[in-house]
Amino acid sequence: MKAKYILILIAILSTSCSKSVLSDVEITDAHLLKVKVKIEQNINDEREVQVFIRDKNNKPIDLLSGRVIINEHIVAFDRAEVNAAGARGYIYRPYGNEQIFKISIYWNSYESHSFILSPQNGWPGFRYSNCSCSYHNHEPDYLYDSYSLKPAPFHNGEIDIVYNIMNW
């Protein structure tokens, strides 16, 4: 009986982590894609811009003939590390003091949508510590918010934006 439960658990875990079947075809309809951009920063000042592209069942899509470009860098499909528990998407690690992010999503080799995340449209920018404070005695303070960018050619005509950054 115990073996049966272990097999069921393995089956659930293996299917929940699998990529979408849309990863195996060229996407021609952007409305099939749910797009979420998460910007994360942790107490160690590790930062990521995470672009998650999902299907209707919330399974990750690795764009077959498409790509994601952030600030002129082609971004790899990878596992997020900062505050994300290994979720798969297109992960960009900002350089130095980068605060504004130009993101282009090509859902195939010839169609794309570009947008900019900046203080003008809701992204406040990373905060930087002005001291060498230690958070061993209390929980760090995070700044969290979410909003949508509209219009967009994706599912529901929007891109979900979420940030979870240090509020030093």
N, C-alpha and C. Protein backbone atom coordinates (compact mmCIF):
# COMPACT_ATOMS: atom_id res chain seq x y z
N MET A 1 0.82 -1.19 0.00
CA MET A 1 0.00 0.00 0.00
C MET A 1 0.87 1.26 0.00
N LYS A 2 1.94 1.23 0.81
CA LYS A 2 2.84 2.38 0.89
C LYS A 2 3.48 2.65 -0.47
N ALA A 3 3.84 1.58 -1.18
CA ALA A 3 4.45 1.72 -2.50
C ALA A 3 3.50 2.39 -3.48
N LYS A 4 2.20 2.09 -3.35
CA LYS A 4 1.20 2.70 -4.23
C LYS A 4 1.18 4.21 -4.05
N TYR A 5 1.22 4.69 -2.80
CA TYR A 5 1.22 6.12 -2.54
C TYR A 5 2.49 6.79 -3.04
N ILE A 6 3.60 6.10 -2.91
CA ILE A 6 4.87 6.65 -3.41
C ILE A 6 4.82 6.79 -4.93
N LEU A 7 4.27 5.78 -5.63
CA LEU A 7 4.15 5.86 -7.08
C LEU A 7 3.22 6.99 -7.51
N ILE A 8 2.13 7.17 -6.80
CA ILE A 8 1.20 8.26 -7.11
C ILE A 8 1.90 9.61 -6.91
N LEU A 9 2.62 9.75 -5.82
CA LEU A 9 3.34 10.99 -5.54
C LEU A 9 4.38 11.27 -6.63
N ILE A 10 5.11 10.26 -7.05
CA ILE A 10 6.11 10.43 -8.11
C ILE A 10 5.43 10.84 -9.41
N ALA A 11 4.30 10.24 -9.73
CA ALA A 11 3.57 10.59 -10.95
C ALA A 11 3.10 12.04 -10.92
N ILE A 12 2.59 12.48 -9.78
CA ILE A 12 2.12 13.86 -9.65
C ILE A 12 3.28 14.83 -9.79
N LEU A 13 4.37 14.56 -9.12
CA LEU A 13 5.52 15.46 -9.18
C LEU A 13 6.13 15.52 -10.56
N SER A 14 6.19 14.39 -11.25
CA SER A 14 6.81 14.39 -12.57
C SER A 14 5.95 15.09 -13.60
N THR A 15 4.64 15.03 -13.48
CA THR A 15 3.79 15.71 -14.45
C THR A 15 3.64 17.18 -14.12
N SER A 16 3.69 17.56 -12.86
CA SER A 16 3.51 18.96 -12.51
C SER A 16 4.72 19.80 -12.90
N CYS A 17 5.87 19.18 -13.06
CA CYS A 17 7.09 19.90 -13.41
C CYS A 17 7.36 19.88 -14.90
N SER A 18 6.59 19.13 -15.66
CA SER A 18 6.89 18.98 -17.07
C SER A 18 6.53 20.24 -17.85
N LYS A 19 7.19 20.39 -18.98
CA LYS A 19 6.92 21.53 -19.85
C LYS A 19 5.60 21.31 -20.58
N SER A 20 5.07 22.39 -21.06
CA SER A 20 3.85 22.37 -21.86
C SER A 20 4.10 21.70 -23.21
N VAL A 21 3.07 21.11 -23.78
CA VAL A 21 3.17 20.57 -25.13
C VAL A 21 3.43 21.69 -26.14
N LEU A 22 3.11 22.93 -25.77
CA LEU A 22 3.38 24.07 -26.66
C LEU A 22 4.87 24.33 -26.82
N SER A 23 5.69 23.71 -25.97
CA SER A 23 7.15 23.84 -26.12
C SER A 23 7.65 23.12 -27.37
N ASP A 24 6.83 22.22 -27.91
CA ASP A 24 7.25 21.41 -29.06
C ASP A 24 6.73 21.92 -30.40
N VAL A 25 6.04 23.06 -30.40
CA VAL A 25 5.48 23.60 -31.64
C VAL A 25 5.81 25.08 -31.74
N GLU A 26 5.79 25.57 -32.98
CA GLU A 26 5.97 27.01 -33.18
C GLU A 26 4.66 27.71 -32.83
N ILE A 27 4.72 28.68 -31.97
CA ILE A 27 3.53 29.41 -31.53
C ILE A 27 3.18 30.46 -32.58
N THR A 28 1.93 30.45 -33.05
CA THR A 28 1.48 31.47 -33.99
C THR A 28 0.42 32.37 -33.38
N ASP A 29 -0.16 31.96 -32.26
CA ASP A 29 -1.20 32.74 -31.59
C ASP A 29 -0.73 33.12 -30.19
N ALA A 30 -0.35 34.36 -30.01
CA ALA A 30 0.17 34.83 -28.72
C ALA A 30 -0.87 34.74 -27.61
N HIS A 31 -2.16 34.71 -27.95
CA HIS A 31 -3.21 34.61 -26.93
C HIS A 31 -3.14 33.29 -26.15
N LEU A 32 -2.41 32.32 -26.67
CA LEU A 32 -2.24 31.04 -25.97
C LEU A 32 -1.27 31.15 -24.80
N LEU A 33 -0.55 32.25 -24.73
CA LEU A 33 0.51 32.41 -23.73
C LEU A 33 0.09 33.30 -22.58
N LYS A 34 0.30 32.81 -21.36
CA LYS A 34 0.15 33.64 -20.16
C LYS A 34 1.55 34.12 -19.81
N VAL A 35 1.72 35.42 -19.65
CA VAL A 35 3.04 35.97 -19.37
C VAL A 35 3.03 36.67 -18.02
N LYS A 36 3.99 36.29 -17.19
CA LYS A 36 4.18 36.94 -15.90
C LYS A 36 5.65 37.29 -15.77
N VAL A 37 5.92 38.53 -15.36
CA VAL A 37 7.28 38.95 -15.08
C VAL A 37 7.38 39.18 -13.58
N LYS A 38 8.33 38.48 -12.97
CA LYS A 38 8.58 38.67 -11.53
C LYS A 38 9.98 39.26 -11.37
N ILE A 39 10.07 40.26 -10.54
CA ILE A 39 11.37 40.85 -10.23
C ILE A 39 11.61 40.59 -8.76
N GLU A 40 12.71 39.91 -8.48
CA GLU A 40 12.99 39.44 -7.13
C GLU A 40 14.34 39.96 -6.65
N GLN A 41 14.40 40.23 -5.35
CA GLN A 41 15.65 40.61 -4.68
C GLN A 41 15.58 40.01 -3.29
N ASN A 42 16.67 39.39 -2.85
CA ASN A 42 16.66 38.81 -1.51
C ASN A 42 17.62 39.55 -0.58
N ILE A 43 17.67 39.10 0.64
CA ILE A 43 18.47 39.76 1.68
C ILE A 43 19.96 39.79 1.34
N ASN A 44 20.42 38.87 0.49
CA ASN A 44 21.82 38.85 0.05
C ASN A 44 22.05 39.72 -1.18
N ASP A 45 21.04 40.50 -1.55
CA ASP A 45 21.06 41.37 -2.72
C ASP A 45 21.24 40.60 -4.02
N GLU A 46 20.79 39.34 -4.05
CA GLU A 46 20.73 38.60 -5.29
C GLU A 46 19.45 39.05 -5.99
N ARG A 47 19.57 39.35 -7.29
CA ARG A 47 18.44 39.91 -8.03
C ARG A 47 18.20 39.12 -9.31
N GLU A 48 16.93 38.96 -9.66
CA GLU A 48 16.55 38.30 -10.91
C GLU A 48 15.32 38.98 -11.50
N VAL A 49 15.30 39.02 -12.83
CA VAL A 49 14.09 39.34 -13.57
C VAL A 49 13.67 38.00 -14.17
N GLN A 50 12.50 37.53 -13.78
CA GLN A 50 12.03 36.20 -14.17
C GLN A 50 10.82 36.36 -15.09
N VAL A 51 10.95 35.88 -16.31
CA VAL A 51 9.85 35.94 -17.28
C VAL A 51 9.29 34.54 -17.40
N PHE A 52 8.07 34.37 -16.90
CA PHE A 52 7.41 33.07 -16.94
C PHE A 52 6.37 33.08 -18.05
N ILE A 53 6.49 32.14 -18.97
CA ILE A 53 5.54 31.98 -20.07
C ILE A 53 4.87 30.64 -19.85
N ARG A 54 3.55 30.66 -19.70
CA ARG A 54 2.79 29.46 -19.35
C ARG A 54 1.65 29.23 -20.34
N ASP A 55 1.17 27.99 -20.37
CA ASP A 55 -0.02 27.67 -21.16
C ASP A 55 -1.26 27.80 -20.28
N LYS A 56 -2.41 27.43 -20.82
CA LYS A 56 -3.67 27.56 -20.07
C LYS A 56 -3.71 26.70 -18.82
N ASN A 57 -2.88 25.63 -18.79
CA ASN A 57 -2.80 24.76 -17.61
C ASN A 57 -1.67 25.16 -16.67
N ASN A 58 -1.09 26.31 -16.94
CA ASN A 58 -0.01 26.88 -16.12
C ASN A 58 1.29 26.08 -16.20
N LYS A 59 1.48 25.35 -17.30
CA LYS A 59 2.73 24.61 -17.50
C LYS A 59 3.72 25.52 -18.23
N PRO A 60 5.01 25.44 -17.87
CA PRO A 60 6.01 26.31 -18.48
C PRO A 60 6.22 26.00 -19.96
N ILE A 61 6.42 27.07 -20.73
CA ILE A 61 6.67 26.93 -22.16
C ILE A 61 8.10 27.40 -22.44
N ASP A 62 8.87 26.51 -23.06
CA ASP A 62 10.20 26.84 -23.59
C ASP A 62 9.97 27.09 -25.08
N LEU A 63 10.00 28.34 -25.48
CA LEU A 63 9.63 28.73 -26.84
C LEU A 63 10.52 28.05 -27.88
N LEU A 64 9.93 27.23 -28.74
CA LEU A 64 10.67 26.44 -29.72
C LEU A 64 11.47 27.32 -30.67
N SER A 65 10.82 28.25 -31.32
CA SER A 65 11.52 29.11 -32.28
C SER A 65 11.52 30.57 -31.82
N GLY A 66 11.10 30.79 -30.60
CA GLY A 66 11.08 32.14 -30.05
C GLY A 66 12.23 32.36 -29.09
N ARG A 67 12.18 33.51 -28.43
CA ARG A 67 13.22 33.84 -27.46
C ARG A 67 12.74 35.00 -26.61
N VAL A 68 13.45 35.21 -25.51
CA VAL A 68 13.19 36.36 -24.65
C VAL A 68 14.49 37.15 -24.57
N ILE A 69 14.37 38.45 -24.77
CA ILE A 69 15.53 39.34 -24.72
C ILE A 69 15.27 40.38 -23.65
N ILE A 70 16.22 40.55 -22.74
CA ILE A 70 16.12 41.58 -21.70
C ILE A 70 17.37 42.44 -21.78
N ASN A 71 17.15 43.73 -21.95
CA ASN A 71 18.26 44.69 -22.07
C ASN A 71 19.34 44.20 -23.04
N GLU A 72 18.88 43.75 -24.20
CA GLU A 72 19.73 43.32 -25.31
C GLU A 72 20.49 42.01 -25.06
N HIS A 73 20.08 41.25 -24.05
CA HIS A 73 20.69 39.94 -23.77
C HIS A 73 19.64 38.86 -24.02
N ILE A 74 19.98 37.87 -24.85
CA ILE A 74 19.09 36.72 -25.02
C ILE A 74 19.16 35.91 -23.74
N VAL A 75 18.00 35.62 -23.17
CA VAL A 75 17.91 35.01 -21.85
C VAL A 75 17.59 33.52 -21.99
N ALA A 76 18.28 32.70 -21.22
CA ALA A 76 18.08 31.24 -21.27
C ALA A 76 16.86 30.81 -20.47
N PHE A 77 16.24 29.72 -20.92
CA PHE A 77 15.17 29.06 -20.18
C PHE A 77 15.86 28.27 -19.07
N ASP A 78 15.53 28.59 -17.82
CA ASP A 78 16.31 28.08 -16.70
C ASP A 78 15.41 27.99 -15.47
N ARG A 79 15.99 27.62 -14.36
CA ARG A 79 15.28 27.60 -13.08
C ARG A 79 15.61 28.87 -12.32
N ALA A 80 14.57 29.54 -11.83
CA ALA A 80 14.76 30.73 -11.01
C ALA A 80 15.39 30.32 -9.69
N GLU A 81 16.22 31.19 -9.14
CA GLU A 81 16.88 30.89 -7.88
C GLU A 81 16.47 31.82 -6.75
N VAL A 82 16.17 33.07 -7.06
CA VAL A 82 15.88 34.05 -6.01
C VAL A 82 14.39 34.03 -5.68
N ASN A 83 14.05 33.63 -4.47
CA ASN A 83 12.68 33.63 -3.95
C ASN A 83 11.69 32.88 -4.84
N ALA A 84 12.12 31.85 -5.57
CA ALA A 84 11.21 31.26 -6.56
C ALA A 84 11.08 29.75 -6.49
N ALA A 85 11.77 29.08 -5.63
CA ALA A 85 11.65 27.63 -5.46
C ALA A 85 11.87 26.86 -6.76
N GLY A 86 12.74 27.36 -7.62
CA GLY A 86 13.11 26.62 -8.82
C GLY A 86 12.11 26.65 -9.95
N ALA A 87 11.18 27.59 -9.96
CA ALA A 87 10.23 27.70 -11.06
C ALA A 87 11.00 27.92 -12.37
N ARG A 88 10.48 27.36 -13.47
CA ARG A 88 11.19 27.46 -14.75
C ARG A 88 10.64 28.59 -15.60
N GLY A 89 11.56 29.34 -16.16
CA GLY A 89 11.21 30.45 -17.02
C GLY A 89 12.48 31.02 -17.63
N TYR A 90 12.37 32.23 -18.13
CA TYR A 90 13.51 32.92 -18.71
C TYR A 90 14.07 33.84 -17.63
N ILE A 91 15.30 33.58 -17.21
CA ILE A 91 15.85 34.20 -16.01
C ILE A 91 17.01 35.12 -16.38
N TYR A 92 16.90 36.37 -15.95
CA TYR A 92 17.94 37.38 -16.20
C TYR A 92 18.45 37.89 -14.87
N ARG A 93 19.77 37.92 -14.74
CA ARG A 93 20.39 38.46 -13.53
C ARG A 93 20.97 39.83 -13.86
N PRO A 94 20.34 40.89 -13.33
CA PRO A 94 20.77 42.25 -13.68
C PRO A 94 22.24 42.51 -13.33
N TYR A 95 22.84 43.35 -14.15
CA TYR A 95 24.22 43.76 -13.95
C TYR A 95 24.25 45.07 -13.16
N GLY A 96 25.19 45.19 -12.24
CA GLY A 96 25.42 46.44 -11.53
C GLY A 96 24.16 47.11 -11.03
N ASN A 97 23.95 48.32 -11.48
CA ASN A 97 22.83 49.13 -11.00
C ASN A 97 21.68 49.20 -12.00
N GLU A 98 21.49 48.19 -12.82
CA GLU A 98 20.38 48.21 -13.79
C GLU A 98 19.05 48.37 -13.06
N GLN A 99 18.26 49.33 -13.51
CA GLN A 99 16.97 49.61 -12.89
C GLN A 99 15.81 49.55 -13.89
N ILE A 100 16.10 49.76 -15.14
CA ILE A 100 15.08 49.78 -16.19
C ILE A 100 15.31 48.55 -17.07
N PHE A 101 14.21 47.87 -17.40
CA PHE A 101 14.33 46.63 -18.15
C PHE A 101 13.47 46.68 -19.41
N LYS A 102 14.14 46.58 -20.56
CA LYS A 102 13.42 46.45 -21.83
C LYS A 102 13.33 44.96 -22.13
N ILE A 103 12.11 44.47 -22.22
CA ILE A 103 11.86 43.04 -22.41
C ILE A 103 11.16 42.83 -23.75
N SER A 104 11.71 41.94 -24.56
CA SER A 104 11.09 41.57 -25.83
C SER A 104 10.82 40.07 -25.80
N ILE A 105 9.59 39.70 -26.08
CA ILE A 105 9.20 38.29 -26.12
C ILE A 105 8.84 37.95 -27.57
N TYR A 106 9.61 37.05 -28.16
CA TYR A 106 9.34 36.52 -29.49
C TYR A 106 8.68 35.17 -29.30
N TRP A 107 7.41 35.05 -29.65
CA TRP A 107 6.74 33.76 -29.48
C TRP A 107 7.02 32.84 -30.68
N ASN A 108 7.57 33.38 -31.75
CA ASN A 108 8.11 32.60 -32.85
C ASN A 108 9.26 33.42 -33.43
N SER A 109 9.80 33.03 -34.56
CA SER A 109 10.99 33.71 -35.07
C SER A 109 10.72 35.09 -35.65
N TYR A 110 9.46 35.46 -35.85
CA TYR A 110 9.18 36.72 -36.53
C TYR A 110 8.16 37.62 -35.83
N GLU A 111 7.47 37.16 -34.80
CA GLU A 111 6.48 37.99 -34.11
C GLU A 111 6.91 38.21 -32.66
N SER A 112 6.78 39.46 -32.22
CA SER A 112 7.23 39.77 -30.86
C SER A 112 6.41 40.90 -30.26
N HIS A 113 6.59 41.05 -28.97
CA HIS A 113 6.01 42.17 -28.22
C HIS A 113 7.09 42.67 -27.27
N SER A 114 7.31 43.98 -27.25
CA SER A 114 8.32 44.58 -26.38
C SER A 114 7.66 45.56 -25.42
N PHE A 115 8.23 45.67 -24.24
CA PHE A 115 7.75 46.61 -23.24
C PHE A 115 8.90 46.96 -22.31
N ILE A 116 8.73 48.04 -21.59
CA ILE A 116 9.77 48.51 -20.68
C ILE A 116 9.20 48.58 -19.27
N LEU A 117 9.96 48.07 -18.32
CA LEU A 117 9.60 48.20 -16.90
C LEU A 117 10.46 49.32 -16.32
N SER A 118 9.79 50.35 -15.82
CA SER A 118 10.49 51.52 -15.29
C SER A 118 9.58 52.20 -14.27
N PRO A 119 10.09 53.20 -13.55
CA PRO A 119 9.24 53.93 -12.61
C PRO A 119 8.03 54.59 -13.28
N GLN A 120 8.10 54.86 -14.56
CA GLN A 120 6.98 55.49 -15.26
C GLN A 120 5.78 54.56 -15.42
N ASN A 121 5.99 53.23 -15.31
CA ASN A 121 4.84 52.33 -15.46
C ASN A 121 4.68 51.36 -14.28
N GLY A 122 5.18 51.72 -13.10
CA GLY A 122 4.87 50.94 -11.91
C GLY A 122 6.01 50.20 -11.25
N TRP A 123 7.12 49.99 -11.95
CA TRP A 123 8.26 49.29 -11.34
C TRP A 123 9.10 50.33 -10.60
N PRO A 124 9.22 50.23 -9.26
CA PRO A 124 9.90 51.28 -8.49
C PRO A 124 11.42 51.22 -8.55
N GLY A 125 11.99 50.14 -9.02
CA GLY A 125 13.45 49.99 -9.02
C GLY A 125 13.92 49.31 -7.76
N PHE A 126 15.10 48.70 -7.86
CA PHE A 126 15.68 48.03 -6.70
C PHE A 126 16.06 49.04 -5.65
N ARG A 127 15.98 48.62 -4.41
CA ARG A 127 16.45 49.42 -3.29
C ARG A 127 17.84 48.90 -2.93
N TYR A 128 18.68 49.78 -2.48
CA TYR A 128 20.03 49.39 -2.08
C TYR A 128 20.24 49.73 -0.62
N SER A 129 20.91 48.84 0.06
CA SER A 129 21.17 49.02 1.49
C SER A 129 22.12 50.19 1.69
N ASN A 130 21.79 51.05 2.66
CA ASN A 130 22.68 52.16 2.97
C ASN A 130 23.46 51.88 4.26
N CYS A 131 23.46 50.63 4.67
CA CYS A 131 24.23 50.24 5.85
C CYS A 131 24.63 48.78 5.71
N SER A 132 25.46 48.34 6.60
CA SER A 132 25.84 46.92 6.60
C SER A 132 25.07 46.21 7.70
N CYS A 133 23.78 46.47 7.75
CA CYS A 133 22.92 45.94 8.80
C CYS A 133 22.83 44.42 8.72
N SER A 134 22.62 43.82 9.84
CA SER A 134 22.42 42.38 9.90
C SER A 134 20.97 42.12 10.27
N TYR A 135 20.35 41.17 9.59
CA TYR A 135 18.95 40.85 9.85
C TYR A 135 18.81 39.59 10.69
N HIS A 136 19.83 39.27 11.46
CA HIS A 136 19.76 38.04 12.25
C HIS A 136 18.74 38.12 13.37
N ASN A 137 18.43 39.31 13.85
CA ASN A 137 17.54 39.44 14.99
C ASN A 137 16.09 39.73 14.61
N HIS A 138 15.84 40.04 13.35
CA HIS A 138 14.46 40.29 12.92
C HIS A 138 14.32 40.01 11.43
N GLU A 139 13.09 39.92 11.00
CA GLU A 139 12.81 39.62 9.61
C GLU A 139 13.07 40.86 8.75
N PRO A 140 13.62 40.66 7.56
CA PRO A 140 13.84 41.79 6.67
C PRO A 140 12.51 42.33 6.15
N ASP A 141 12.53 43.57 5.73
CA ASP A 141 11.34 44.23 5.21
C ASP A 141 11.35 44.14 3.69
N TYR A 142 10.30 43.58 3.13
CA TYR A 142 10.18 43.46 1.68
C TYR A 142 9.14 44.43 1.15
N LEU A 143 9.37 44.88 -0.07
CA LEU A 143 8.40 45.70 -0.78
C LEU A 143 7.80 44.80 -1.86
N TYR A 144 6.48 44.59 -1.79
CA TYR A 144 5.81 43.66 -2.69
C TYR A 144 4.63 44.38 -3.34
N ASP A 145 4.46 44.15 -4.64
CA ASP A 145 3.28 44.68 -5.32
C ASP A 145 3.10 43.92 -6.63
N SER A 146 1.94 44.08 -7.23
CA SER A 146 1.68 43.48 -8.53
C SER A 146 0.75 44.39 -9.31
N TYR A 147 0.86 44.31 -10.62
CA TYR A 147 0.01 45.10 -11.50
C TYR A 147 0.02 44.46 -12.88
N SER A 148 -0.78 44.97 -13.79
CA SER A 148 -0.84 44.43 -15.15
C SER A 148 -0.47 45.51 -16.15
N LEU A 149 0.26 45.09 -17.17
CA LEU A 149 0.53 45.98 -18.30
C LEU A 149 -0.46 45.62 -19.40
N LYS A 150 -1.17 46.63 -19.88
CA LYS A 150 -2.15 46.44 -20.95
C LYS A 150 -1.98 47.57 -21.95
N PRO A 151 -2.29 47.37 -23.19
CA PRO A 151 -2.67 46.11 -23.83
C PRO A 151 -1.43 45.29 -24.16
N ALA A 152 -1.64 44.01 -24.33
CA ALA A 152 -0.58 43.08 -24.74
C ALA A 152 -1.24 41.99 -25.58
N PRO A 153 -0.48 41.36 -26.45
CA PRO A 153 -1.08 40.35 -27.34
C PRO A 153 -1.30 39.00 -26.67
N PHE A 154 -1.03 38.89 -25.39
CA PHE A 154 -1.07 37.61 -24.70
C PHE A 154 -2.44 37.33 -24.07
N HIS A 155 -2.57 36.20 -23.40
CA HIS A 155 -3.80 35.78 -22.72
C HIS A 155 -4.37 36.94 -21.90
N ASN A 156 -5.66 37.18 -22.01
CA ASN A 156 -6.37 38.26 -21.33
C ASN A 156 -5.87 39.65 -21.70
N GLY A 157 -5.07 39.75 -22.76
CA GLY A 157 -4.60 41.05 -23.23
C GLY A 157 -3.68 41.77 -22.26
N GLU A 158 -2.96 40.99 -21.42
CA GLU A 158 -2.14 41.64 -20.40
C GLU A 158 -0.87 40.86 -20.10
N ILE A 159 0.03 41.53 -19.40
CA ILE A 159 1.23 40.93 -18.83
C ILE A 159 1.17 41.20 -17.35
N ASP A 160 1.24 40.15 -16.54
CA ASP A 160 1.25 40.33 -15.08
C ASP A 160 2.66 40.67 -14.63
N ILE A 161 2.77 41.70 -13.81
CA ILE A 161 4.05 42.12 -13.25
C ILE A 161 3.97 41.99 -11.74
N VAL A 162 4.97 41.34 -11.16
CA VAL A 162 5.04 41.16 -9.70
C VAL A 162 6.46 41.50 -9.28
N TYR A 163 6.59 42.27 -8.20
CA TYR A 163 7.93 42.45 -7.65
C TYR A 163 7.92 42.21 -6.16
N ASN A 164 9.03 41.65 -5.70
CA ASN A 164 9.23 41.30 -4.31
C ASN A 164 10.69 41.63 -4.01
N ILE A 165 10.92 42.85 -3.54
CA ILE A 165 12.28 43.35 -3.39
C ILE A 165 12.52 43.84 -1.97
N MET A 166 13.78 43.99 -1.63
CA MET A 166 14.14 44.48 -0.30
C MET A 166 13.75 45.94 -0.17
N ASN A 167 13.24 46.28 0.99
CA ASN A 167 12.90 47.67 1.31
C ASN A 167 13.87 48.12 2.40
N TRP A 168 15.11 48.29 2.02
CA TRP A 168 16.19 48.57 2.97
C TRP A 168 15.86 49.76 3.83
